[in-house]
Amino acid sequence: MNVHREPAIRPLTAIPRKAIMTDFAERVINPKTDDFSVRSLMDVDFYKFTMGQFIFKNYAGVRAKFKLINRDPDIPLADVILEEEIRKHLDHVRSLTLRRTDLSFLRGMDVYGKNMFDEEYLAALSTLQLPQFDLNMTGNQFELSVEASWEEATFWETIMLAVISE
C-alpha cells in the first residue's frame, strides 16, 4: 500500500513571499495610511538594550537629552517631509510597548550560559513607554529632541533616525 503524505514542513518556495519578508519597495511605491516606519520597540538597534541595561543599573533617573540634527543644510527636510506625517509616526511609536514575546526573546539571550539581561531590567522594559518628544521647525529644517530619564530617552535615538529617513 502506497500512502502519500504531505511533508511536515513546507518548503520556503511554498510560502508566499509576503509571509516571509517585508516588501520595502512595495511599501514605498504604494504606502498605506496605517503603515508605520517603526512597528515595534524591537525595531531599535540591539545595542540599545545592552546599553539601556548599563544605564538602568548605573545611571537610573539621570536626565538626558537626545536631539536629531540634520548636518546637511542642503537637504531641506521640512520642504520634503510633512510635519504632521512625522508627528503621526512619532506618536505611534509612543503608543508601542514591548510584548510578552519580545521580553521572552530578550530573556532568552545569553552570553557564556548566563542571561544577558537581568530580571529587574526586563521588568522595567515591560512597562516602558517612550517619553514625549519635541518637534519644531526652524526654516526648512526640523528640530526633534527628547529630554527625559536617560534609560527611557536612549531608545529614541535610533527611532528618530528611522522615522526621519523612512
C-alpha atoms as a PDB file:
ATOM      1  CA  MET A   1       0.000   0.000   0.000  1.00  0.00           C
ATOM      2  CA  ASN A   2       1.474   3.338  -1.095  1.00  0.00           C
ATOM      3  CA  VAL A   3       0.252   6.265   1.033  1.00  0.00           C
ATOM      4  CA  HIS A   4       1.185   9.804   0.019  1.00  0.00           C
ATOM      5  CA  ARG A   5       1.880  12.109   2.939  1.00  0.00           C
ATOM      6  CA  GLU A   6       2.470  15.845   2.876  1.00  0.00           C
ATOM      7  CA  PRO A   7       5.860  16.851   4.248  1.00  0.00           C
ATOM      8  CA  ALA A   8       5.708  18.049   7.855  1.00  0.00           C
ATOM      9  CA  ILE A   9       7.479  21.264   6.923  1.00  0.00           C
ATOM     10  CA  ARG A  10       6.549  23.186   3.810  1.00  0.00           C
ATOM     11  CA  PRO A  11       9.460  24.274   1.636  1.00  0.00           C
ATOM     12  CA  LEU A  12      10.056  28.032   1.633  1.00  0.00           C
ATOM     13  CA  THR A  13       9.027  28.173  -2.010  1.00  0.00           C
ATOM     14  CA  ALA A  14       5.516  27.084  -0.973  1.00  0.00           C
ATOM     15  CA  ILE A  15       5.119  30.028   1.398  1.00  0.00           C
ATOM     16  CA  PRO A  16       4.012  33.296  -0.198  1.00  0.00           C
ATOM     17  CA  ARG A  17       6.880  35.801  -0.234  1.00  0.00           C
ATOM     18  CA  LYS A  18       4.822  38.379   1.689  1.00  0.00           C
ATOM     19  CA  ALA A  19       4.548  35.924   4.586  1.00  0.00           C
ATOM     20  CA  ILE A  20       8.338  35.773   4.884  1.00  0.00           C
ATOM     21  CA  MET A  21       9.581  39.312   4.438  1.00  0.00           C
ATOM     22  CA  THR A  22       8.501  42.883   4.104  1.00  0.00           C
ATOM     23  CA  ASP A  23       8.474  44.145   0.542  1.00  0.00           C
ATOM     24  CA  PHE A  24      10.091  47.534   1.128  1.00  0.00           C
ATOM     25  CA  ALA A  25       9.764  48.613  -2.498  1.00  0.00           C
ATOM     26  CA  GLU A  26       6.017  47.954  -2.322  1.00  0.00           C
ATOM     27  CA  ARG A  27       5.794  49.990   0.912  1.00  0.00           C
ATOM     28  CA  VAL A  28       7.452  52.966  -0.807  1.00  0.00           C
ATOM     29  CA  ILE A  29       5.525  52.762  -4.078  1.00  0.00           C
ATOM     30  CA  ASN A  30       2.106  52.101  -2.508  1.00  0.00           C
ATOM     31  CA  PRO A  31       2.202  53.395   1.067  1.00  0.00           C
ATOM     32  CA  LYS A  32      -0.747  52.647   3.312  1.00  0.00           C
ATOM     33  CA  THR A  33      -2.027  55.198   5.796  1.00  0.00           C
ATOM     34  CA  ASP A  34      -1.645  52.740   8.675  1.00  0.00           C
ATOM     35  CA  ASP A  35       1.846  51.569   7.688  1.00  0.00           C
ATOM     36  CA  PHE A  36       4.351  52.914  10.191  1.00  0.00           C
ATOM     37  CA  SER A  37       8.114  53.033   9.771  1.00  0.00           C
ATOM     38  CA  VAL A  38       8.588  51.687  13.312  1.00  0.00           C
ATOM     39  CA  ARG A  39       6.226  48.847  14.131  1.00  0.00           C
ATOM     40  CA  SER A  40       7.732  47.556  17.362  1.00  0.00           C
ATOM     41  CA  LEU A  41      10.106  48.750  20.051  1.00  0.00           C
ATOM     42  CA  MET A  42      12.207  45.768  18.956  1.00  0.00           C
ATOM     43  CA  ASP A  43      12.958  47.777  15.787  1.00  0.00           C
ATOM     44  CA  VAL A  44      15.666  49.691  17.675  1.00  0.00           C
ATOM     45  CA  ASP A  45      19.299  48.741  17.164  1.00  0.00           C
ATOM     46  CA  PHE A  46      20.044  45.833  19.526  1.00  0.00           C
ATOM     47  CA  TYR A  47      22.843  47.699  21.288  1.00  0.00           C
ATOM     48  CA  LYS A  48      20.153  49.987  22.739  1.00  0.00           C
ATOM     49  CA  PHE A  49      19.043  47.125  25.007  1.00  0.00           C
ATOM     50  CA  THR A  50      22.544  46.298  26.225  1.00  0.00           C
ATOM     51  CA  MET A  51      23.421  49.953  26.688  1.00  0.00           C
ATOM     52  CA  GLY A  52      19.998  50.507  28.274  1.00  0.00           C
ATOM     53  CA  GLN A  53      20.711  47.888  30.924  1.00  0.00           C
ATOM     54  CA  PHE A  54      24.041  49.560  31.725  1.00  0.00           C
ATOM     55  CA  ILE A  55      22.287  52.929  32.060  1.00  0.00           C
ATOM     56  CA  PHE A  56      19.489  51.360  34.140  1.00  0.00           C
ATOM     57  CA  LYS A  57      21.971  49.811  36.579  1.00  0.00           C
ATOM     58  CA  ASN A  58      24.383  52.748  36.849  1.00  0.00           C
ATOM     59  CA  TYR A  59      22.565  55.968  35.944  1.00  0.00           C
ATOM     60  CA  ALA A  60      18.855  55.416  36.602  1.00  0.00           C
ATOM     61  CA  GLY A  61      16.987  58.698  36.840  1.00  0.00           C
ATOM     62  CA  VAL A  62      19.764  60.812  35.312  1.00  0.00           C
ATOM     63  CA  ARG A  63      18.259  63.278  32.830  1.00  0.00           C
ATOM     64  CA  ALA A  64      19.493  63.174  29.260  1.00  0.00           C
ATOM     65  CA  LYS A  65      18.654  64.955  26.035  1.00  0.00           C
ATOM     66  CA  PHE A  66      18.738  63.407  22.583  1.00  0.00           C
ATOM     67  CA  LYS A  67      18.467  65.696  19.595  1.00  0.00           C
ATOM     68  CA  LEU A  68      18.316  64.875  15.910  1.00  0.00           C
ATOM     69  CA  ILE A  69      20.352  67.286  13.823  1.00  0.00           C
ATOM     70  CA  ASN A  70      20.429  67.270  10.034  1.00  0.00           C
ATOM     71  CA  ARG A  71      24.066  68.108   9.359  1.00  0.00           C
ATOM     72  CA  ASP A  72      23.499  68.816   5.675  1.00  0.00           C
ATOM     73  CA  PRO A  73      21.778  72.193   5.223  1.00  0.00           C
ATOM     74  CA  ASP A  74      21.393  71.386   1.513  1.00  0.00           C
ATOM     75  CA  ILE A  75      18.762  68.784   2.430  1.00  0.00           C
ATOM     76  CA  PRO A  76      15.718  70.835   3.499  1.00  0.00           C
ATOM     77  CA  LEU A  77      13.840  68.144   5.429  1.00  0.00           C
ATOM     78  CA  ALA A  78      10.857  70.374   6.212  1.00  0.00           C
ATOM     79  CA  ASP A  79      10.390  71.031   2.496  1.00  0.00           C
ATOM     80  CA  VAL A  80      10.148  67.335   1.620  1.00  0.00           C
ATOM     81  CA  ILE A  81       8.533  65.760   4.705  1.00  0.00           C
ATOM     82  CA  LEU A  82       5.203  66.860   6.141  1.00  0.00           C
ATOM     83  CA  GLU A  83       5.370  67.751   9.825  1.00  0.00           C
ATOM     84  CA  GLU A  84       2.039  66.016  10.516  1.00  0.00           C
ATOM     85  CA  GLU A  85       3.395  62.836   8.922  1.00  0.00           C
ATOM     86  CA  ILE A  86       6.406  62.837  11.251  1.00  0.00           C
ATOM     87  CA  ARG A  87       4.164  63.534  14.252  1.00  0.00           C
ATOM     88  CA  LYS A  88       1.874  60.660  13.265  1.00  0.00           C
ATOM     89  CA  HIS A  89       4.802  58.231  13.173  1.00  0.00           C
ATOM     90  CA  LEU A  90       6.366  59.517  16.397  1.00  0.00           C
ATOM     91  CA  ASP A  91       3.004  59.415  18.214  1.00  0.00           C
ATOM     92  CA  HIS A  92       2.579  55.842  17.019  1.00  0.00           C
ATOM     93  CA  VAL A  93       5.972  54.929  18.486  1.00  0.00           C
ATOM     94  CA  ARG A  94       4.906  56.395  21.821  1.00  0.00           C
ATOM     95  CA  SER A  95       1.902  54.042  21.797  1.00  0.00           C
ATOM     96  CA  LEU A  96       4.137  50.964  21.490  1.00  0.00           C
ATOM     97  CA  THR A  97       5.159  48.745  24.383  1.00  0.00           C
ATOM     98  CA  LEU A  98       7.238  45.602  24.439  1.00  0.00           C
ATOM     99  CA  ARG A  99       5.087  42.490  24.069  1.00  0.00           C
ATOM    100  CA  ARG A 100       5.490  39.362  26.176  1.00  0.00           C
ATOM    101  CA  THR A 101       7.091  37.638  23.186  1.00  0.00           C
ATOM    102  CA  ASP A 102       9.613  40.495  22.902  1.00  0.00           C
ATOM    103  CA  LEU A 103      10.512  40.177  26.575  1.00  0.00           C
ATOM    104  CA  SER A 104      10.775  36.383  26.238  1.00  0.00           C
ATOM    105  CA  PHE A 105      13.166  36.842  23.320  1.00  0.00           C
ATOM    106  CA  LEU A 106      15.332  39.222  25.364  1.00  0.00           C
ATOM    107  CA  ARG A 107      15.129  36.908  28.387  1.00  0.00           C
ATOM    108  CA  GLY A 108      16.452  34.058  26.235  1.00  0.00           C
ATOM    109  CA  MET A 109      19.568  35.950  25.148  1.00  0.00           C
ATOM    110  CA  ASP A 110      22.600  34.567  26.917  1.00  0.00           C
ATOM    111  CA  VAL A 111      26.335  35.076  26.974  1.00  0.00           C
ATOM    112  CA  TYR A 112      28.521  32.189  28.121  1.00  0.00           C
ATOM    113  CA  GLY A 113      25.476  30.446  29.586  1.00  0.00           C
ATOM    114  CA  LYS A 114      24.285  33.444  31.617  1.00  0.00           C
ATOM    115  CA  ASN A 115      21.282  35.612  30.877  1.00  0.00           C
ATOM    116  CA  MET A 116      22.315  38.791  29.105  1.00  0.00           C
ATOM    117  CA  PHE A 117      19.525  40.813  30.734  1.00  0.00           C
ATOM    118  CA  ASP A 118      18.601  40.621  34.392  1.00  0.00           C
ATOM    119  CA  GLU A 119      15.001  40.329  35.571  1.00  0.00           C
ATOM    120  CA  GLU A 120      14.934  43.789  37.157  1.00  0.00           C
ATOM    121  CA  TYR A 121      15.802  45.378  33.814  1.00  0.00           C
ATOM    122  CA  LEU A 122      13.303  43.198  31.931  1.00  0.00           C
ATOM    123  CA  ALA A 123      10.610  44.218  34.438  1.00  0.00           C
ATOM    124  CA  ALA A 124      11.428  47.876  33.744  1.00  0.00           C
ATOM    125  CA  LEU A 125      11.252  47.230  30.000  1.00  0.00           C
ATOM    126  CA  SER A 126       7.835  45.604  30.433  1.00  0.00           C
ATOM    127  CA  THR A 127       6.404  48.983  31.467  1.00  0.00           C
ATOM    128  CA  LEU A 128       8.489  51.140  29.122  1.00  0.00           C
ATOM    129  CA  GLN A 129       6.628  53.851  27.257  1.00  0.00           C
ATOM    130  CA  LEU A 130       8.812  56.269  25.370  1.00  0.00           C
ATOM    131  CA  PRO A 131       8.741  59.821  26.743  1.00  0.00           C
ATOM    132  CA  GLN A 132       7.246  62.832  24.994  1.00  0.00           C
ATOM    133  CA  PHE A 133       9.225  64.333  22.127  1.00  0.00           C
ATOM    134  CA  ASP A 134       9.548  67.953  20.951  1.00  0.00           C
ATOM    135  CA  LEU A 135       9.235  68.604  17.226  1.00  0.00           C
ATOM    136  CA  ASN A 136       9.678  72.121  15.869  1.00  0.00           C
ATOM    137  CA  MET A 137      10.525  73.711  12.537  1.00  0.00           C
ATOM    138  CA  THR A 138      13.279  76.241  12.054  1.00  0.00           C
ATOM    139  CA  GLY A 139      13.302  77.472   8.491  1.00  0.00           C
ATOM    140  CA  ASN A 140      13.270  74.385   6.310  1.00  0.00           C
ATOM    141  CA  GLN A 141      14.692  72.059   8.981  1.00  0.00           C
ATOM    142  CA  PHE A 142      13.120  70.088  11.814  1.00  0.00           C
ATOM    143  CA  GLU A 143      14.341  70.184  15.376  1.00  0.00           C
ATOM    144  CA  LEU A 144      13.489  66.892  17.041  1.00  0.00           C
ATOM    145  CA  SER A 145      14.511  66.244  20.623  1.00  0.00           C
ATOM    146  CA  VAL A 146      13.651  64.266  23.734  1.00  0.00           C
ATOM    147  CA  GLU A 147      14.596  65.135  27.289  1.00  0.00           C
ATOM    148  CA  ALA A 148      13.807  62.542  29.945  1.00  0.00           C
ATOM    149  CA  SER A 149      15.428  59.935  32.159  1.00  0.00           C
ATOM    150  CA  TRP A 150      18.394  58.522  30.286  1.00  0.00           C
ATOM    151  CA  GLU A 151      17.180  54.916  30.499  1.00  0.00           C
ATOM    152  CA  GLU A 152      13.964  55.885  28.655  1.00  0.00           C
ATOM    153  CA  ALA A 153      15.233  58.615  26.327  1.00  0.00           C
ATOM    154  CA  THR A 154      18.028  56.446  24.913  1.00  0.00           C
ATOM    155  CA  PHE A 155      15.554  54.371  22.889  1.00  0.00           C
ATOM    156  CA  TRP A 156      14.527  57.434  20.873  1.00  0.00           C
ATOM    157  CA  GLU A 157      17.969  57.850  19.287  1.00  0.00           C
ATOM    158  CA  THR A 158      17.712  55.231  16.546  1.00  0.00           C
ATOM    159  CA  ILE A 159      13.924  55.565  16.295  1.00  0.00           C
ATOM    160  CA  MET A 160      14.236  59.272  15.422  1.00  0.00           C
ATOM    161  CA  LEU A 161      16.638  58.374  12.629  1.00  0.00           C
ATOM    162  CA  ALA A 162      14.344  55.644  11.305  1.00  0.00           C
ATOM    163  CA  VAL A 163      11.256  57.866  11.251  1.00  0.00           C
ATOM    164  CA  ILE A 164      13.007  60.754   9.507  1.00  0.00           C
ATOM    165  CA  SER A 165      14.851  58.611   6.974  1.00  0.00           C
ATOM    166  CA  GLU A 166      11.965  56.316   6.078  1.00  0.00           C
END
